[in-house]
Amino acid sequence: MNFTDSHCHLADPALRDRLPDVLAQAAEQGVTRFIVPATQRSDWADVVQLLAMNTPSEQRVHIALGIHPWFAENAESQDFAELERLLQRYPQAWVGETGLDFLVNRPSETQKQQQIEAFCRQLELAQKWQRPVIVHNVKATAAIAEVVKQTGFTQGGIAHAFSGSVEEAQILLRCGFKIGIGSLLLNPNAKKVRQVVAKLAWQDMVLETDSPFMLHNQTNTPANVRRIAEIAAQLSGVDLAEIACKTEENISKLLKQTAKPADLT
């Protein structure tokens, strides 16, 4: 059985500098496909370079280009213009990592508004070029749903590293997002996300690690998708092979949206 790590920062130096070993270890655990998001303009080129790992017969690495909410206050008009240029040049690229974070770094009301504006701009680009998005959400579910509604965004994507309640998950599902189940599940005290895994259908979820982050005092890697899936199987009462099948199907459907350039005529 095969798995996709739907959110891993392979361009981060912690992984990039030993990438062949990281990918080999992932393959040993059946993790054979990777979605790699960017977080700011300065790392877009590094993420794009990862596409060189693909061959015509094997598309292992898929990318997303965007501006993370932590960096939204520094985003300028030319950044969004460059993002659109890259989306045109790379028709398979998703948009992300974008979203809202109303907790980390204790953003002021002004900074929250800057995040919302950057998120709006990126959803508008994703809608125009028919791309899924990867959404970072910390204490901002209602605001994300409101932005999705205001922008008329309908392309779907992934609400990554989900940590909220079942009710919050359902709000994001109504926005068209799959729920990203990640390394938080490895924590026995992560009761909310464990309840989500136990209650949601697997047609609504995907797996991820957020490598190299999310593991205390150690570097996370895509190989841990298998561990996450095994715990998810125990919590949900669903066979591991079925989880692999369902989550791969969910990812494949999203990837089909970018199988060819958007037709804007």
Protein backbone atom coordinates (compact mmCIF):
# COMPACT_ATOMS: atom_id res chain seq x y z
CA MET A 1 0.00 0.00 0.00
CA ASN A 2 1.12 3.54 -0.76
CA PHE A 3 0.71 6.84 1.06
CA THR A 4 1.09 10.53 0.25
CA ASP A 5 2.59 13.04 2.64
CA SER A 6 0.24 15.88 1.77
CA HIS A 7 2.31 18.50 3.61
CA CYS A 8 6.08 18.29 3.96
CA HIS A 9 8.71 21.00 3.66
CA LEU A 10 11.29 19.08 1.65
CA ALA A 11 13.04 22.32 0.68
CA ASP A 12 13.81 23.10 4.31
CA PRO A 13 17.55 22.67 4.99
CA ALA A 14 16.81 20.10 7.71
CA LEU A 15 15.51 17.75 4.99
CA ARG A 16 16.98 19.11 1.76
CA ASP A 17 20.55 18.49 2.85
CA ARG A 18 19.86 14.76 3.20
CA LEU A 19 16.96 14.38 0.83
CA PRO A 20 17.97 11.06 -0.82
CA ASP A 21 18.04 9.36 2.58
CA VAL A 22 14.78 11.02 3.65
CA LEU A 23 12.99 9.81 0.52
CA ALA A 24 14.49 6.33 0.77
CA GLN A 25 13.27 6.00 4.36
CA ALA A 26 9.84 7.21 3.30
CA ALA A 27 9.69 4.66 0.49
CA GLU A 28 10.46 1.88 2.97
CA GLN A 29 7.24 2.87 4.77
CA GLY A 30 5.23 3.10 1.55
CA VAL A 31 5.27 6.90 1.41
CA THR A 32 5.87 7.58 -2.27
CA ARG A 33 4.21 10.91 -3.09
CA PHE A 34 4.80 14.33 -1.57
CA ILE A 35 3.11 17.72 -1.62
CA VAL A 36 5.61 20.46 -0.78
CA PRO A 37 4.33 23.93 0.15
CA ALA A 38 6.26 27.18 0.23
CA THR A 39 5.81 29.76 2.97
CA GLN A 40 7.17 33.00 1.48
CA ARG A 41 8.60 34.41 -1.72
CA SER A 42 12.18 33.73 -0.66
CA ASP A 43 11.64 29.96 -0.77
CA TRP A 44 9.54 29.70 -3.94
CA ALA A 45 12.59 29.00 -6.11
CA ASP A 46 13.80 26.24 -3.79
CA VAL A 47 10.40 24.57 -3.84
CA VAL A 48 10.15 24.81 -7.63
CA GLN A 49 13.58 23.16 -7.97
CA LEU A 50 12.17 20.02 -6.36
CA LEU A 51 10.15 19.41 -9.53
CA ALA A 52 13.42 18.29 -11.13
CA MET A 53 13.04 15.07 -9.14
CA ASN A 54 10.07 14.08 -11.30
CA THR A 55 10.21 12.14 -14.55
CA PRO A 56 7.59 11.89 -17.31
CA SER A 57 6.57 8.49 -15.96
CA GLU A 58 6.76 9.28 -12.24
CA GLN A 59 5.40 12.44 -10.63
CA ARG A 60 6.46 12.04 -7.00
CA VAL A 61 6.70 15.68 -5.97
CA HIS A 62 3.90 18.22 -6.23
CA ILE A 63 4.26 21.80 -5.07
CA ALA A 64 2.30 24.71 -3.70
CA LEU A 65 3.43 28.34 -3.80
CA GLY A 66 2.13 30.94 -1.41
CA ILE A 67 2.60 33.27 1.53
CA HIS A 68 2.17 31.88 5.04
CA PRO A 69 0.17 34.06 7.46
CA TRP A 70 3.26 34.58 9.63
CA PHE A 71 4.79 36.50 6.73
CA ALA A 72 1.65 38.25 5.50
CA GLU A 73 2.51 41.63 7.01
CA ASN A 74 5.58 41.85 4.77
CA ALA A 75 3.76 40.87 1.57
CA GLU A 76 3.70 43.48 -1.17
CA SER A 77 1.83 43.83 -4.46
CA GLN A 78 4.81 42.60 -6.47
CA ASP A 79 4.85 39.39 -4.43
CA PHE A 80 1.32 38.55 -5.54
CA ALA A 81 2.18 39.50 -9.12
CA GLU A 82 5.15 37.13 -9.02
CA LEU A 83 2.98 34.42 -7.50
CA GLU A 84 0.54 34.73 -10.38
CA ARG A 85 3.40 34.58 -12.87
CA LEU A 86 4.62 31.34 -11.31
CA LEU A 87 1.13 29.85 -11.26
CA GLN A 88 0.94 30.51 -14.99
CA ARG A 89 4.39 29.02 -15.56
CA TYR A 90 3.73 25.93 -13.41
CA PRO A 91 0.14 24.88 -14.11
CA GLN A 92 0.37 21.94 -11.68
CA ALA A 93 1.28 24.16 -8.71
CA TRP A 94 -1.25 24.62 -5.94
CA VAL A 95 -1.51 27.78 -3.83
CA GLY A 96 -0.10 27.62 -0.32
CA GLU A 97 0.79 27.61 2.35
CA THR A 98 -1.69 30.37 3.05
CA GLY A 99 -4.39 30.91 5.65
CA LEU A 100 -4.84 32.60 9.03
CA ASP A 101 -3.09 32.25 12.38
CA PHE A 102 -4.67 34.24 15.19
CA LEU A 103 -2.59 32.66 17.98
CA VAL A 104 1.12 32.31 17.21
CA ASN A 105 3.09 35.52 17.82
CA ARG A 106 -0.08 37.09 19.25
CA PRO A 107 -0.98 39.14 16.16
CA SER A 108 -2.52 42.57 16.65
CA GLU A 109 -5.82 43.47 15.01
CA THR A 110 -3.83 45.23 12.29
CA GLN A 111 -1.73 42.12 11.70
CA LYS A 112 -4.85 39.94 11.61
CA GLN A 113 -6.27 42.20 8.92
CA GLN A 114 -3.03 41.93 6.96
CA GLN A 115 -3.32 38.15 7.15
CA ILE A 116 -6.91 38.30 5.91
CA GLU A 117 -5.95 40.55 2.99
CA ALA A 118 -3.09 38.25 1.95
CA PHE A 119 -5.35 35.21 2.27
CA CYS A 120 -8.00 36.90 0.12
CA ARG A 121 -5.46 37.74 -2.58
CA GLN A 122 -4.24 34.16 -2.70
CA LEU A 123 -7.72 32.65 -2.78
CA GLU A 124 -8.58 34.99 -5.65
CA LEU A 125 -5.53 33.79 -7.58
CA ALA A 126 -6.34 30.17 -6.81
CA GLN A 127 -9.89 30.66 -8.02
CA LYS A 128 -8.74 32.43 -11.19
CA TRP A 129 -6.23 29.72 -12.07
CA GLN A 130 -8.36 26.85 -10.73
CA ARG A 131 -5.92 25.58 -8.11
CA PRO A 132 -6.50 23.88 -4.76
CA VAL A 133 -5.07 25.63 -1.72
CA ILE A 134 -3.22 24.49 1.38
CA VAL A 135 -4.65 26.33 4.36
CA HIS A 136 -2.90 27.02 7.66
CA ASN A 137 -5.51 27.55 10.37
CA VAL A 138 -4.85 28.36 14.02
CA LYS A 139 -7.78 29.71 16.03
CA ALA A 140 -9.30 31.17 12.87
CA THR A 141 -11.86 28.70 11.52
CA ALA A 142 -14.77 31.15 11.42
CA ALA A 143 -12.65 33.84 9.76
CA ILE A 144 -11.39 31.37 7.14
CA ALA A 145 -14.95 30.32 6.34
CA GLU A 146 -15.93 33.98 5.96
CA VAL A 147 -13.05 34.71 3.59
CA VAL A 148 -13.91 31.65 1.50
CA LYS A 149 -17.50 32.89 1.26
CA GLN A 150 -16.53 36.48 0.43
CA THR A 151 -14.10 35.48 -2.31
CA GLY A 152 -16.39 32.85 -3.83
CA PHE A 153 -13.58 30.31 -3.64
CA THR A 154 -14.66 26.86 -4.87
CA GLN A 155 -11.46 25.01 -5.78
CA GLY A 156 -11.06 23.13 -2.50
CA GLY A 157 -7.79 21.94 -1.03
CA ILE A 158 -6.49 20.88 2.36
CA ALA A 159 -6.97 22.34 5.83
CA HIS A 160 -3.56 21.21 6.95
CA ALA A 161 -2.36 20.05 10.40
CA PHE A 162 -5.88 20.15 11.74
CA SER A 163 -6.08 20.54 15.52
CA GLY A 164 -9.65 21.65 16.14
CA SER A 165 -12.96 20.08 17.06
CA VAL A 166 -15.33 17.94 15.03
CA GLU A 167 -17.57 20.99 14.61
CA GLU A 168 -14.69 23.07 13.24
CA ALA A 169 -13.76 20.25 10.86
CA GLN A 170 -17.31 20.22 9.53
CA ILE A 171 -17.14 23.98 8.88
CA LEU A 172 -13.97 23.50 6.83
CA LEU A 173 -15.47 20.55 4.98
CA ARG A 174 -18.37 22.77 3.94
CA CYS A 175 -15.76 25.18 2.56
CA GLY A 176 -14.56 22.36 0.30
CA PHE A 177 -11.39 21.41 2.17
CA LYS A 178 -10.13 17.97 3.08
CA ILE A 179 -8.95 17.69 6.67
CA GLY A 180 -5.19 17.18 7.02
CA ILE A 181 -4.44 14.67 9.77
CA GLY A 182 -0.84 15.01 10.83
CA SER A 183 1.82 14.44 13.43
CA LEU A 184 -0.30 15.84 16.24
CA LEU A 185 -2.04 12.46 16.18
CA LEU A 186 1.15 10.90 17.57
CA ASN A 187 0.48 12.77 20.82
CA PRO A 188 -1.82 10.70 23.08
CA ASN A 189 -3.07 13.92 24.69
CA ALA A 190 -4.31 15.41 21.41
CA LYS A 191 -7.89 14.56 22.26
CA LYS A 192 -9.65 16.87 19.79
CA VAL A 193 -7.95 15.61 16.67
CA ARG A 194 -8.28 12.02 17.87
CA GLN A 195 -12.03 12.56 18.17
CA VAL A 196 -12.07 13.96 14.64
CA VAL A 197 -10.33 10.87 13.28
CA ALA A 198 -12.76 8.63 15.14
CA LYS A 199 -15.85 10.43 13.82
CA LEU A 200 -15.16 11.70 10.29
CA ALA A 201 -15.35 9.56 7.16
CA TRP A 202 -12.06 8.87 5.41
CA GLN A 203 -13.41 10.38 2.22
CA ASP A 204 -12.93 13.70 4.07
CA MET A 205 -9.34 13.30 5.31
CA VAL A 206 -5.75 13.14 4.07
CA LEU A 207 -2.47 12.36 5.84
CA GLU A 208 0.56 14.58 6.40
CA THR A 209 3.60 15.14 8.62
CA ASP A 210 4.48 18.85 8.28
CA SER A 211 8.10 17.66 8.21
CA PRO A 212 10.59 18.66 9.49
CA PHE A 213 8.35 20.22 12.15
CA MET A 214 5.78 19.05 14.71
CA LEU A 215 7.86 16.49 16.65
CA HIS A 216 9.26 17.68 19.97
CA ASN A 217 13.06 17.68 20.10
CA GLN A 218 13.49 15.69 16.89
CA THR A 219 13.31 16.19 13.14
CA ASN A 220 10.10 14.93 11.60
CA THR A 221 10.22 13.11 8.24
CA PRO A 222 7.65 11.89 5.69
CA ALA A 223 8.25 8.28 6.77
CA ASN A 224 6.07 9.05 9.80
CA VAL A 225 2.96 9.13 7.62
CA ARG A 226 2.83 5.36 8.13
CA ARG A 227 2.83 5.76 11.93
CA ILE A 228 0.11 8.38 11.71
CA ALA A 229 -1.98 6.09 9.51
CA GLU A 230 -1.56 3.17 11.91
CA ILE A 231 -2.79 5.21 14.86
CA ALA A 232 -5.64 6.55 12.74
CA ALA A 233 -6.64 2.98 11.92
CA GLN A 234 -6.83 2.13 15.61
CA LEU A 235 -8.87 5.23 16.44
CA SER A 236 -11.30 4.96 13.54
CA GLY A 237 -11.68 1.20 13.43
CA VAL A 238 -10.87 1.26 9.73
CA ASP A 239 -8.37 -1.11 8.15
CA LEU A 240 -4.98 0.45 7.36
CA ALA A 241 -5.19 -0.59 3.71
CA GLU A 242 -8.56 1.11 3.36
CA ILE A 243 -7.20 4.31 4.90
CA ALA A 244 -4.33 4.22 2.40
CA CYS A 245 -6.77 3.68 -0.46
CA LYS A 246 -9.20 6.42 0.59
CA THR A 247 -6.57 9.06 1.31
CA GLU A 248 -4.73 8.34 -1.93
CA GLU A 249 -8.01 8.68 -3.79
CA ASN A 250 -8.66 12.03 -2.09
CA ILE A 251 -5.24 13.36 -3.06
CA SER A 252 -5.52 12.06 -6.62
CA LYS A 253 -8.83 13.88 -7.09
CA LEU A 254 -7.25 17.15 -5.99
CA LEU A 255 -4.25 16.60 -8.25
CA LYS A 256 -6.50 16.00 -11.25
CA GLN A 257 -7.68 19.60 -10.94
CA THR A 258 -4.18 20.69 -11.98
CA ALA A 259 -3.56 18.04 -14.61
CA LYS A 260 -3.71 20.70 -17.31
CA PRO A 261 -3.60 24.51 -17.45
CA ALA A 262 -6.76 26.34 -16.49
CA ASP A 263 -8.96 27.36 -19.39
CA LEU A 264 -9.82 31.01 -18.89
CA THR A 265 -11.49 31.55 -22.24
